[in-house]
Full PDB file with SEQRES, HELIX, SHEET, SSBOND, CRYST1, ORIGX, SCALE, CONECT and MASTER records, all heavy atoms in Angstrom:
SEQRES   1 A   37  SER LEU THR ILE VAL PHE LEU ILE ALA VAL VAL THR LEU          
SEQRES   2 A   37  GLN PRO PHE ALA VAL PHE ALA GLY ALA PRO GLN SER ILE          
SEQRES   3 A   37  VAL VAL LEU VAL ALA LEU VAL VAL ALA LEU ILE                  
HELIX    1 AA1 LEU A    2  PHE A   19  1                                  18    
HELIX    2 AA2 ILE A   26  LEU A   36  1                                  11    
CRYST1    1.000    1.000    1.000  90.00  90.00  90.00 P 1           1          
ORIGX1      1.000000  0.000000  0.000000        0.00000                         
ORIGX2      0.000000  1.000000  0.000000        0.00000                         
ORIGX3      0.000000  0.000000  1.000000        0.00000                         
SCALE1      1.000000  0.000000  0.000000        0.00000                         
SCALE2      0.000000  1.000000  0.000000        0.00000                         
SCALE3      0.000000  0.000000  1.000000        0.00000                         
ATOM      1  N   SER A   1       0.829  -1.207   0.000  1.00  0.00           N  
ATOM      2  CA  SER A   1       0.000   0.000   0.000  1.00  0.00           C  
ATOM      3  C   SER A   1       0.864   1.258   0.000  1.00  0.00           C  
ATOM      4  O   SER A   1       0.593   2.214  -0.740  1.00  0.00           O  
ATOM      5  CB  SER A   1      -0.922   0.006   1.227  1.00  0.00           C  
ATOM      6  OG  SER A   1      -1.753  -1.141   1.241  1.00  0.00           O  
ATOM      7  N   LEU A   2       1.912   1.255   0.827  1.00  0.00           N  
ATOM      8  CA  LEU A   2       2.828   2.405   0.844  1.00  0.00           C  
ATOM      9  C   LEU A   2       3.513   2.581  -0.504  1.00  0.00           C  
ATOM     10  O   LEU A   2       3.724   3.713  -0.968  1.00  0.00           O  
ATOM     11  CB  LEU A   2       3.879   2.220   1.939  1.00  0.00           C  
ATOM     12  CG  LEU A   2       3.388   2.321   3.392  1.00  0.00           C  
ATOM     13  CD1 LEU A   2       4.510   1.968   4.359  1.00  0.00           C  
ATOM     14  CD2 LEU A   2       2.867   3.724   3.677  1.00  0.00           C  
ATOM     15  N   THR A   3       3.843   1.468  -1.137  1.00  0.00           N  
ATOM     16  CA  THR A   3       4.479   1.531  -2.458  1.00  0.00           C  
ATOM     17  C   THR A   3       3.554   2.190  -3.474  1.00  0.00           C  
ATOM     18  O   THR A   3       3.973   3.044  -4.274  1.00  0.00           O  
ATOM     19  CB  THR A   3       4.860   0.119  -2.930  1.00  0.00           C  
ATOM     20  OG1 THR A   3       5.768  -0.455  -1.977  1.00  0.00           O  
ATOM     21  CG2 THR A   3       5.515   0.151  -4.305  1.00  0.00           C  
ATOM     22  N   ILE A   4       2.279   1.799  -3.428  1.00  0.00           N  
ATOM     23  CA  ILE A   4       1.298   2.393  -4.349  1.00  0.00           C  
ATOM     24  C   ILE A   4       1.153   3.887  -4.086  1.00  0.00           C  
ATOM     25  O   ILE A   4       1.082   4.707  -5.015  1.00  0.00           O  
ATOM     26  CB  ILE A   4      -0.056   1.668  -4.213  1.00  0.00           C  
ATOM     27  CG1 ILE A   4       0.067   0.223  -4.711  1.00  0.00           C  
ATOM     28  CG2 ILE A   4      -1.151   2.408  -4.983  1.00  0.00           C  
ATOM     29  CD1 ILE A   4      -1.155  -0.627  -4.429  1.00  0.00           C  
ATOM     30  N   VAL A   5       1.125   4.243  -2.800  1.00  0.00           N  
ATOM     31  CA  VAL A   5       0.994   5.664  -2.443  1.00  0.00           C  
ATOM     32  C   VAL A   5       2.160   6.471  -3.001  1.00  0.00           C  
ATOM     33  O   VAL A   5       1.974   7.540  -3.607  1.00  0.00           O  
ATOM     34  CB  VAL A   5       0.904   5.822  -0.911  1.00  0.00           C  
ATOM     35  CG1 VAL A   5       1.047   7.290  -0.515  1.00  0.00           C  
ATOM     36  CG2 VAL A   5      -0.413   5.258  -0.389  1.00  0.00           C  
ATOM     37  N   PHE A   6       3.378   5.965  -2.831  1.00  0.00           N  
ATOM     38  CA  PHE A   6       4.552   6.690  -3.332  1.00  0.00           C  
ATOM     39  C   PHE A   6       4.604   6.696  -4.857  1.00  0.00           C  
ATOM     40  O   PHE A   6       5.083   7.659  -5.465  1.00  0.00           O  
ATOM     41  CB  PHE A   6       5.834   6.092  -2.750  1.00  0.00           C  
ATOM     42  CG  PHE A   6       6.122   6.544  -1.342  1.00  0.00           C  
ATOM     43  CD1 PHE A   6       6.140   5.650  -0.281  1.00  0.00           C  
ATOM     44  CD2 PHE A   6       6.378   7.886  -1.076  1.00  0.00           C  
ATOM     45  CE1 PHE A   6       6.405   6.077   1.006  1.00  0.00           C  
ATOM     46  CE2 PHE A   6       6.643   8.324   0.211  1.00  0.00           C  
ATOM     47  CZ  PHE A   6       6.658   7.416   1.258  1.00  0.00           C  
ATOM     48  N   LEU A   7       4.127   5.627  -5.482  1.00  0.00           N  
ATOM     49  CA  LEU A   7       4.056   5.607  -6.950  1.00  0.00           C  
ATOM     50  C   LEU A   7       3.153   6.734  -7.444  1.00  0.00           C  
ATOM     51  O   LEU A   7       3.500   7.468  -8.373  1.00  0.00           O  
ATOM     52  CB  LEU A   7       3.526   4.251  -7.439  1.00  0.00           C  
ATOM     53  CG  LEU A   7       4.551   3.137  -7.655  1.00  0.00           C  
ATOM     54  CD1 LEU A   7       3.836   1.818  -7.921  1.00  0.00           C  
ATOM     55  CD2 LEU A   7       5.465   3.482  -8.828  1.00  0.00           C  
ATOM     56  N   ILE A   8       2.007   6.838  -6.803  1.00  0.00           N  
ATOM     57  CA  ILE A   8       1.065   7.894  -7.193  1.00  0.00           C  
ATOM     58  C   ILE A   8       1.668   9.266  -6.937  1.00  0.00           C  
ATOM     59  O   ILE A   8       1.560  10.194  -7.762  1.00  0.00           O  
ATOM     60  CB  ILE A   8      -0.266   7.728  -6.425  1.00  0.00           C  
ATOM     61  CG1 ILE A   8      -0.952   6.418  -6.847  1.00  0.00           C  
ATOM     62  CG2 ILE A   8      -1.181   8.922  -6.662  1.00  0.00           C  
ATOM     63  CD1 ILE A   8      -2.170   6.068  -6.008  1.00  0.00           C  
ATOM     64  N   ALA A   9       2.355   9.396  -5.773  1.00  0.00           N  
ATOM     65  CA  ALA A   9       2.957  10.686  -5.430  1.00  0.00           C  
ATOM     66  C   ALA A   9       4.011  11.099  -6.451  1.00  0.00           C  
ATOM     67  O   ALA A   9       4.080  12.262  -6.874  1.00  0.00           O  
ATOM     68  CB  ALA A   9       3.577  10.608  -4.038  1.00  0.00           C  
ATOM     69  N   VAL A  10       4.841  10.152  -6.892  1.00  0.00           N  
ATOM     70  CA  VAL A  10       5.900  10.470  -7.860  1.00  0.00           C  
ATOM     71  C   VAL A  10       5.306  10.779  -9.227  1.00  0.00           C  
ATOM     72  O   VAL A  10       5.747  11.702  -9.924  1.00  0.00           O  
ATOM     73  CB  VAL A  10       6.908   9.306  -7.936  1.00  0.00           C  
ATOM     74  CG1 VAL A  10       7.880   9.513  -9.095  1.00  0.00           C  
ATOM     75  CG2 VAL A  10       7.681   9.184  -6.626  1.00  0.00           C  
ATOM     76  N   VAL A  11       4.301  10.000  -9.611  1.00  0.00           N  
ATOM     77  CA  VAL A  11       3.665  10.247 -10.916  1.00  0.00           C  
ATOM     78  C   VAL A  11       3.056  11.644 -10.959  1.00  0.00           C  
ATOM     79  O   VAL A  11       3.145  12.360 -11.964  1.00  0.00           O  
ATOM     80  CB  VAL A  11       2.598   9.171 -11.205  1.00  0.00           C  
ATOM     81  CG1 VAL A  11       1.744   9.568 -12.412  1.00  0.00           C  
ATOM     82  CG2 VAL A  11       3.269   7.827 -11.462  1.00  0.00           C  
ATOM     83  N   THR A  12       2.448  12.050  -9.854  1.00  0.00           N  
ATOM     84  CA  THR A  12       1.822  13.387  -9.830  1.00  0.00           C  
ATOM     85  C   THR A  12       2.855  14.507  -9.751  1.00  0.00           C  
ATOM     86  O   THR A  12       2.527  15.668  -9.992  1.00  0.00           O  
ATOM     87  CB  THR A  12       0.857  13.509  -8.635  1.00  0.00           C  
ATOM     88  OG1 THR A  12       1.570  13.221  -7.433  1.00  0.00           O  
ATOM     89  CG2 THR A  12      -0.304  12.541  -8.775  1.00  0.00           C  
ATOM     90  N   LEU A  13       4.106  14.175  -9.404  1.00  0.00           N  
ATOM     91  CA  LEU A  13       5.154  15.199  -9.388  1.00  0.00           C  
ATOM     92  C   LEU A  13       5.512  15.662 -10.797  1.00  0.00           C  
ATOM     93  O   LEU A  13       5.906  16.816 -10.997  1.00  0.00           O  
ATOM     94  CB  LEU A  13       6.423  14.654  -8.705  1.00  0.00           C  
ATOM     95  CG  LEU A  13       6.507  14.745  -7.183  1.00  0.00           C  
ATOM     96  CD1 LEU A  13       7.806  14.122  -6.701  1.00  0.00           C  
ATOM     97  CD2 LEU A  13       6.424  16.193  -6.722  1.00  0.00           C  
ATOM     98  N   GLN A  14       5.381  14.756 -11.769  1.00  0.00           N  
ATOM     99  CA  GLN A  14       5.806  15.092 -13.125  1.00  0.00           C  
ATOM    100  C   GLN A  14       5.025  16.271 -13.714  1.00  0.00           C  
ATOM    101  O   GLN A  14       5.638  17.188 -14.289  1.00  0.00           O  
ATOM    102  CB  GLN A  14       5.700  13.856 -14.029  1.00  0.00           C  
ATOM    103  CG  GLN A  14       6.201  14.052 -15.443  1.00  0.00           C  
ATOM    104  CD  GLN A  14       7.718  14.198 -15.529  1.00  0.00           C  
ATOM    105  OE1 GLN A  14       8.359  14.572 -14.562  1.00  0.00           O  
ATOM    106  NE2 GLN A  14       8.272  13.941 -16.699  1.00  0.00           N  
ATOM    107  N   PRO A  15       3.690  16.313 -13.591  1.00  0.00           N  
ATOM    108  CA  PRO A  15       2.968  17.486 -14.107  1.00  0.00           C  
ATOM    109  C   PRO A  15       3.438  18.795 -13.459  1.00  0.00           C  
ATOM    110  O   PRO A  15       3.569  19.813 -14.139  1.00  0.00           O  
ATOM    111  CB  PRO A  15       1.502  17.181 -13.754  1.00  0.00           C  
ATOM    112  CG  PRO A  15       1.451  15.695 -13.670  1.00  0.00           C  
ATOM    113  CD  PRO A  15       2.759  15.281 -13.117  1.00  0.00           C  
ATOM    114  N   PHE A  16       3.703  18.758 -12.146  1.00  0.00           N  
ATOM    115  CA  PHE A  16       4.205  19.966 -11.479  1.00  0.00           C  
ATOM    116  C   PHE A  16       5.583  20.341 -12.008  1.00  0.00           C  
ATOM    117  O   PHE A  16       5.908  21.524 -12.175  1.00  0.00           O  
ATOM    118  CB  PHE A  16       4.268  19.743  -9.966  1.00  0.00           C  
ATOM    119  CG  PHE A  16       2.914  19.682  -9.309  1.00  0.00           C  
ATOM    120  CD1 PHE A  16       2.368  18.470  -8.914  1.00  0.00           C  
ATOM    121  CD2 PHE A  16       2.176  20.840  -9.100  1.00  0.00           C  
ATOM    122  CE1 PHE A  16       1.124  18.409  -8.314  1.00  0.00           C  
ATOM    123  CE2 PHE A  16       0.923  20.782  -8.496  1.00  0.00           C  
ATOM    124  CZ  PHE A  16       0.389  19.567  -8.104  1.00  0.00           C  
ATOM    125  N   ALA A  17       6.400  19.304 -12.250  1.00  0.00           N  
ATOM    126  CA  ALA A  17       7.740  19.558 -12.770  1.00  0.00           C  
ATOM    127  C   ALA A  17       7.675  20.170 -14.161  1.00  0.00           C  
ATOM    128  O   ALA A  17       8.422  21.099 -14.495  1.00  0.00           O  
ATOM    129  CB  ALA A  17       8.546  18.262 -12.796  1.00  0.00           C  
ATOM    130  N   VAL A  18       6.755  19.648 -14.996  1.00  0.00           N  
ATOM    131  CA  VAL A  18       6.592  20.198 -16.354  1.00  0.00           C  
ATOM    132  C   VAL A  18       6.118  21.636 -16.270  1.00  0.00           C  
ATOM    133  O   VAL A  18       6.597  22.529 -16.983  1.00  0.00           O  
ATOM    134  CB  VAL A  18       5.601  19.336 -17.159  1.00  0.00           C  
ATOM    135  CG1 VAL A  18       5.262  20.010 -18.483  1.00  0.00           C  
ATOM    136  CG2 VAL A  18       6.189  17.949 -17.394  1.00  0.00           C  
ATOM    137  N   PHE A  19       5.155  21.872 -15.376  1.00  0.00           N  
ATOM    138  CA  PHE A  19       4.623  23.225 -15.202  1.00  0.00           C  
ATOM    139  C   PHE A  19       5.724  24.189 -14.733  1.00  0.00           C  
ATOM    140  O   PHE A  19       5.758  25.358 -15.122  1.00  0.00           O  
ATOM    141  CB  PHE A  19       3.481  23.196 -14.183  1.00  0.00           C  
ATOM    142  CG  PHE A  19       2.890  24.547 -13.900  1.00  0.00           C  
ATOM    143  CD1 PHE A  19       2.009  25.144 -14.797  1.00  0.00           C  
ATOM    144  CD2 PHE A  19       3.223  25.238 -12.735  1.00  0.00           C  
ATOM    145  CE1 PHE A  19       1.478  26.399 -14.533  1.00  0.00           C  
ATOM    146  CE2 PHE A  19       2.692  26.488 -12.471  1.00  0.00           C  
ATOM    147  CZ  PHE A  19       1.802  27.066 -13.381  1.00  0.00           C  
ATOM    148  N   ALA A  20       6.640  23.662 -13.902  1.00  0.00           N  
ATOM    149  CA  ALA A  20       7.727  24.500 -13.391  1.00  0.00           C  
ATOM    150  C   ALA A  20       8.871  24.618 -14.383  1.00  0.00           C  
ATOM    151  O   ALA A  20       9.856  25.307 -14.109  1.00  0.00           O  
ATOM    152  CB  ALA A  20       8.246  23.933 -12.078  1.00  0.00           C  
ATOM    153  N   GLY A  21       8.756  23.921 -15.518  1.00  0.00           N  
ATOM    154  CA  GLY A  21       9.804  23.992 -16.529  1.00  0.00           C  
ATOM    155  C   GLY A  21      10.983  23.097 -16.251  1.00  0.00           C  
ATOM    156  O   GLY A  21      12.078  23.328 -16.772  1.00  0.00           O  
ATOM    157  N   ALA A  22      10.773  22.051 -15.428  1.00  0.00           N  
ATOM    158  CA  ALA A  22      11.872  21.131 -15.111  1.00  0.00           C  
ATOM    159  C   ALA A  22      11.369  19.693 -15.179  1.00  0.00           C  
ATOM    160  O   ALA A  22      11.334  18.984 -14.171  1.00  0.00           O  
ATOM    161  CB  ALA A  22      12.433  21.432 -13.740  1.00  0.00           C  
ATOM    162  N   PRO A  23      10.935  19.233 -16.373  1.00  0.00           N  
ATOM    163  CA  PRO A  23      10.452  17.851 -16.496  1.00  0.00           C  
ATOM    164  C   PRO A  23      11.565  16.855 -16.151  1.00  0.00           C  
ATOM    165  O   PRO A  23      12.729  17.092 -16.448  1.00  0.00           O  
ATOM    166  CB  PRO A  23      10.041  17.753 -17.962  1.00  0.00           C  
ATOM    167  CG  PRO A  23      10.824  18.814 -18.657  1.00  0.00           C  
ATOM    168  CD  PRO A  23      10.967  19.929 -17.673  1.00  0.00           C  
ATOM    169  N   GLN A  24      11.166  15.771 -15.526  1.00  0.00           N  
ATOM    170  CA  GLN A  24      12.128  14.774 -15.077  1.00  0.00           C  
ATOM    171  C   GLN A  24      12.127  13.566 -16.021  1.00  0.00           C  
ATOM    172  O   GLN A  24      11.085  13.172 -16.553  1.00  0.00           O  
ATOM    173  CB  GLN A  24      11.793  14.312 -13.652  1.00  0.00           C  
ATOM    174  CG  GLN A  24      11.719  15.443 -12.643  1.00  0.00           C  
ATOM    175  CD  GLN A  24      13.046  16.149 -12.473  1.00  0.00           C  
ATOM    176  OE1 GLN A  24      14.094  15.526 -12.449  1.00  0.00           O  
ATOM    177  NE2 GLN A  24      12.996  17.486 -12.373  1.00  0.00           N  
ATOM    178  N   SER A  25      13.300  12.937 -16.184  1.00  0.00           N  
ATOM    179  CA  SER A  25      13.414  11.769 -17.050  1.00  0.00           C  
ATOM    180  C   SER A  25      12.877  10.531 -16.339  1.00  0.00           C  
ATOM    181  O   SER A  25      12.642  10.532 -15.122  1.00  0.00           O  
ATOM    182  CB  SER A  25      14.877  11.531 -17.429  1.00  0.00           C  
ATOM    183  OG  SER A  25      15.620  11.149 -16.276  1.00  0.00           O  
ATOM    184  N   ILE A  26      12.704   9.441 -17.114  1.00  0.00           N  
ATOM    185  CA  ILE A  26      12.251   8.170 -16.550  1.00  0.00           C  
ATOM    186  C   ILE A  26      13.216   7.697 -15.463  1.00  0.00           C  
ATOM    187  O   ILE A  26      12.802   7.191 -14.419  1.00  0.00           O  
ATOM    188  CB  ILE A  26      12.131   7.107 -17.666  1.00  0.00           C  
ATOM    189  CG1 ILE A  26      11.003   7.454 -18.632  1.00  0.00           C  
ATOM    190  CG2 ILE A  26      11.906   5.720 -17.059  1.00  0.00           C  
ATOM    191  CD1 ILE A  26       9.626   7.409 -18.000  1.00  0.00           C  
ATOM    192  N   VAL A  27      14.512   7.878 -15.706  1.00  0.00           N  
ATOM    193  CA  VAL A  27      15.518   7.431 -14.736  1.00  0.00           C  
ATOM    194  C   VAL A  27      15.328   8.143 -13.408  1.00  0.00           C  
ATOM    195  O   VAL A  27      15.370   7.525 -12.331  1.00  0.00           O  
ATOM    196  CB  VAL A  27      16.940   7.666 -15.288  1.00  0.00           C  
ATOM    197  CG1 VAL A  27      17.982   7.345 -14.218  1.00  0.00           C  
ATOM    198  CG2 VAL A  27      17.189   6.844 -16.531  1.00  0.00           C  
ATOM    199  N   VAL A  28      15.108   9.459 -13.456  1.00  0.00           N  
ATOM    200  CA  VAL A  28      14.934  10.228 -12.220  1.00  0.00           C  
ATOM    201  C   VAL A  28      13.671   9.792 -11.491  1.00  0.00           C  
ATOM    202  O   VAL A  28      13.674   9.598 -10.265  1.00  0.00           O  
ATOM    203  CB  VAL A  28      14.887  11.734 -12.536  1.00  0.00           C  
ATOM    204  CG1 VAL A  28      14.489  12.528 -11.290  1.00  0.00           C  
ATOM    205  CG2 VAL A  28      16.232  12.207 -13.062  1.00  0.00           C  
ATOM    206  N   LEU A  29      12.573   9.628 -12.236  1.00  0.00           N  
ATOM    207  CA  LEU A  29      11.310   9.244 -11.605  1.00  0.00           C  
ATOM    208  C   LEU A  29      11.404   7.855 -10.980  1.00  0.00           C  
ATOM    209  O   LEU A  29      10.916   7.630  -9.861  1.00  0.00           O  
ATOM    210  CB  LEU A  29      10.179   9.292 -12.628  1.00  0.00           C  
ATOM    211  CG  LEU A  29       9.824  10.688 -13.165  1.00  0.00           C  
ATOM    212  CD1 LEU A  29       8.761  10.588 -14.257  1.00  0.00           C  
ATOM    213  CD2 LEU A  29       9.339  11.591 -12.036  1.00  0.00           C  
ATOM    214  N   VAL A  30      12.022   6.916 -11.694  1.00  0.00           N  
ATOM    215  CA  VAL A  30      12.189   5.566 -11.134  1.00  0.00           C  
ATOM    216  C   VAL A  30      13.061   5.614  -9.894  1.00  0.00           C  
ATOM    217  O   VAL A  30      12.768   4.974  -8.874  1.00  0.00           O  
ATOM    218  CB  VAL A  30      12.788   4.614 -12.194  1.00  0.00           C  
ATOM    219  CG1 VAL A  30      13.216   3.300 -11.538  1.00  0.00           C  
ATOM    220  CG2 VAL A  30      11.790   4.345 -13.306  1.00  0.00           C  
ATOM    221  N   ALA A  31      14.165   6.366  -9.972  1.00  0.00           N  
ATOM    222  CA  ALA A  31      15.062   6.481  -8.823  1.00  0.00           C  
ATOM    223  C   ALA A  31      14.336   7.072  -7.625  1.00  0.00           C  
ATOM    224  O   ALA A  31      14.526   6.634  -6.478  1.00  0.00           O  
ATOM    225  CB  ALA A  31      16.262   7.341  -9.188  1.00  0.00           C  
ATOM    226  N   LEU A  32      13.489   8.070  -7.888  1.00  0.00           N  
ATOM    227  CA  LEU A  32      12.744   8.701  -6.803  1.00  0.00           C  
ATOM    228  C   LEU A  32      11.774   7.710  -6.159  1.00  0.00           C  
ATOM    229  O   LEU A  32      11.654   7.642  -4.932  1.00  0.00           O  
ATOM    230  CB  LEU A  32      11.984   9.913  -7.337  1.00  0.00           C  
ATOM    231  CG  LEU A  32      11.303  10.800  -6.288  1.00  0.00           C  
ATOM    232  CD1 LEU A  32      12.303  11.321  -5.282  1.00  0.00           C  
ATOM    233  CD2 LEU A  32      10.577  11.955  -6.980  1.00  0.00           C  
ATOM    234  N   VAL A  33      11.092   6.900  -6.990  1.00  0.00           N  
ATOM    235  CA  VAL A  33      10.172   5.888  -6.453  1.00  0.00           C  
ATOM    236  C   VAL A  33      10.914   4.903  -5.567  1.00  0.00           C  
ATOM    237  O   VAL A  33      10.510   4.607  -4.436  1.00  0.00           O  
ATOM    238  CB  VAL A  33       9.460   5.139  -7.604  1.00  0.00           C  
ATOM    239  CG1 VAL A  33       8.721   3.911  -7.053  1.00  0.00           C  
ATOM    240  CG2 VAL A  33       8.482   6.043  -8.317  1.00  0.00           C  
ATOM    241  N   VAL A  34      12.042   4.388  -6.078  1.00  0.00           N  
ATOM    242  CA  VAL A  34      12.804   3.379  -5.332  1.00  0.00           C  
ATOM    243  C   VAL A  34      13.347   3.953  -4.029  1.00  0.00           C  
ATOM    244  O   VAL A  34      13.383   3.280  -2.993  1.00  0.00           O  
ATOM    245  CB  VAL A  34      13.951   2.819  -6.198  1.00  0.00           C  
ATOM    246  CG1 VAL A  34      14.865   1.923  -5.369  1.00  0.00           C  
ATOM    247  CG2 VAL A  34      13.390   2.065  -7.382  1.00  0.00           C  
ATOM    248  N   ALA A  35      13.755   5.202  -4.049  1.00  0.00           N  
ATOM    249  CA  ALA A  35      14.298   5.820  -2.845  1.00  0.00           C  
ATOM    250  C   ALA A  35      13.231   6.044  -1.782  1.00  0.00           C  
ATOM    251  O   ALA A  35      13.533   6.059  -0.585  1.00  0.00           O  
ATOM    252  CB  ALA A  35      14.964   7.145  -3.202  1.00  0.00           C  
ATOM    253  N   LEU A  36      11.984   6.194  -2.214  1.00  0.00           N  
ATOM    254  CA  LEU A  36      10.924   6.550  -1.273  1.00  0.00           C  
ATOM    255  C   LEU A  36      10.122   5.356  -0.773  1.00  0.00           C  
ATOM    256  O   LEU A  36       9.585   5.406   0.338  1.00  0.00           O  
ATOM    257  CB  LEU A  36       9.990   7.572  -1.917  1.00  0.00           C  
ATOM    258  CG  LEU A  36      10.641   8.914  -2.312  1.00  0.00           C  
ATOM    259  CD1 LEU A  36       9.583   9.867  -2.856  1.00  0.00           C  
ATOM    260  CD2 LEU A  36      11.365   9.542  -1.135  1.00  0.00           C  
ATOM    261  N   ILE A  37       9.995   4.293  -1.580  1.00  0.00           N  
ATOM    262  CA  ILE A  37       9.207   3.145  -1.119  1.00  0.00           C  
ATOM    263  C   ILE A  37      10.006   2.375  -0.063  1.00  0.00           C  
ATOM    264  O   ILE A  37      11.232   2.470  -0.002  1.00  0.00           O  
ATOM    265  CB  ILE A  37       8.808   2.222  -2.298  1.00  0.00           C  
ATOM    266  CG1 ILE A  37      10.048   1.613  -2.955  1.00  0.00           C  
ATOM    267  CG2 ILE A  37       7.951   2.967  -3.295  1.00  0.00           C  
ATOM    268  CD1 ILE A  37       9.706   0.627  -4.074  1.00  0.00           C  
TER     269      ILE A  37                                                      
MASTER        0    0    0    2    0    0    0    6  268    1    0    3          
END                                                                             
């Protein structure tokens, strides 16, 4: 359940990152998920 929560949290970070002009690569997003779960 915690893993799913962090997956959702990281996925929702990408739209904010795009809006802020700093889109993240797949590698960064995967690394962030693994570091947080």
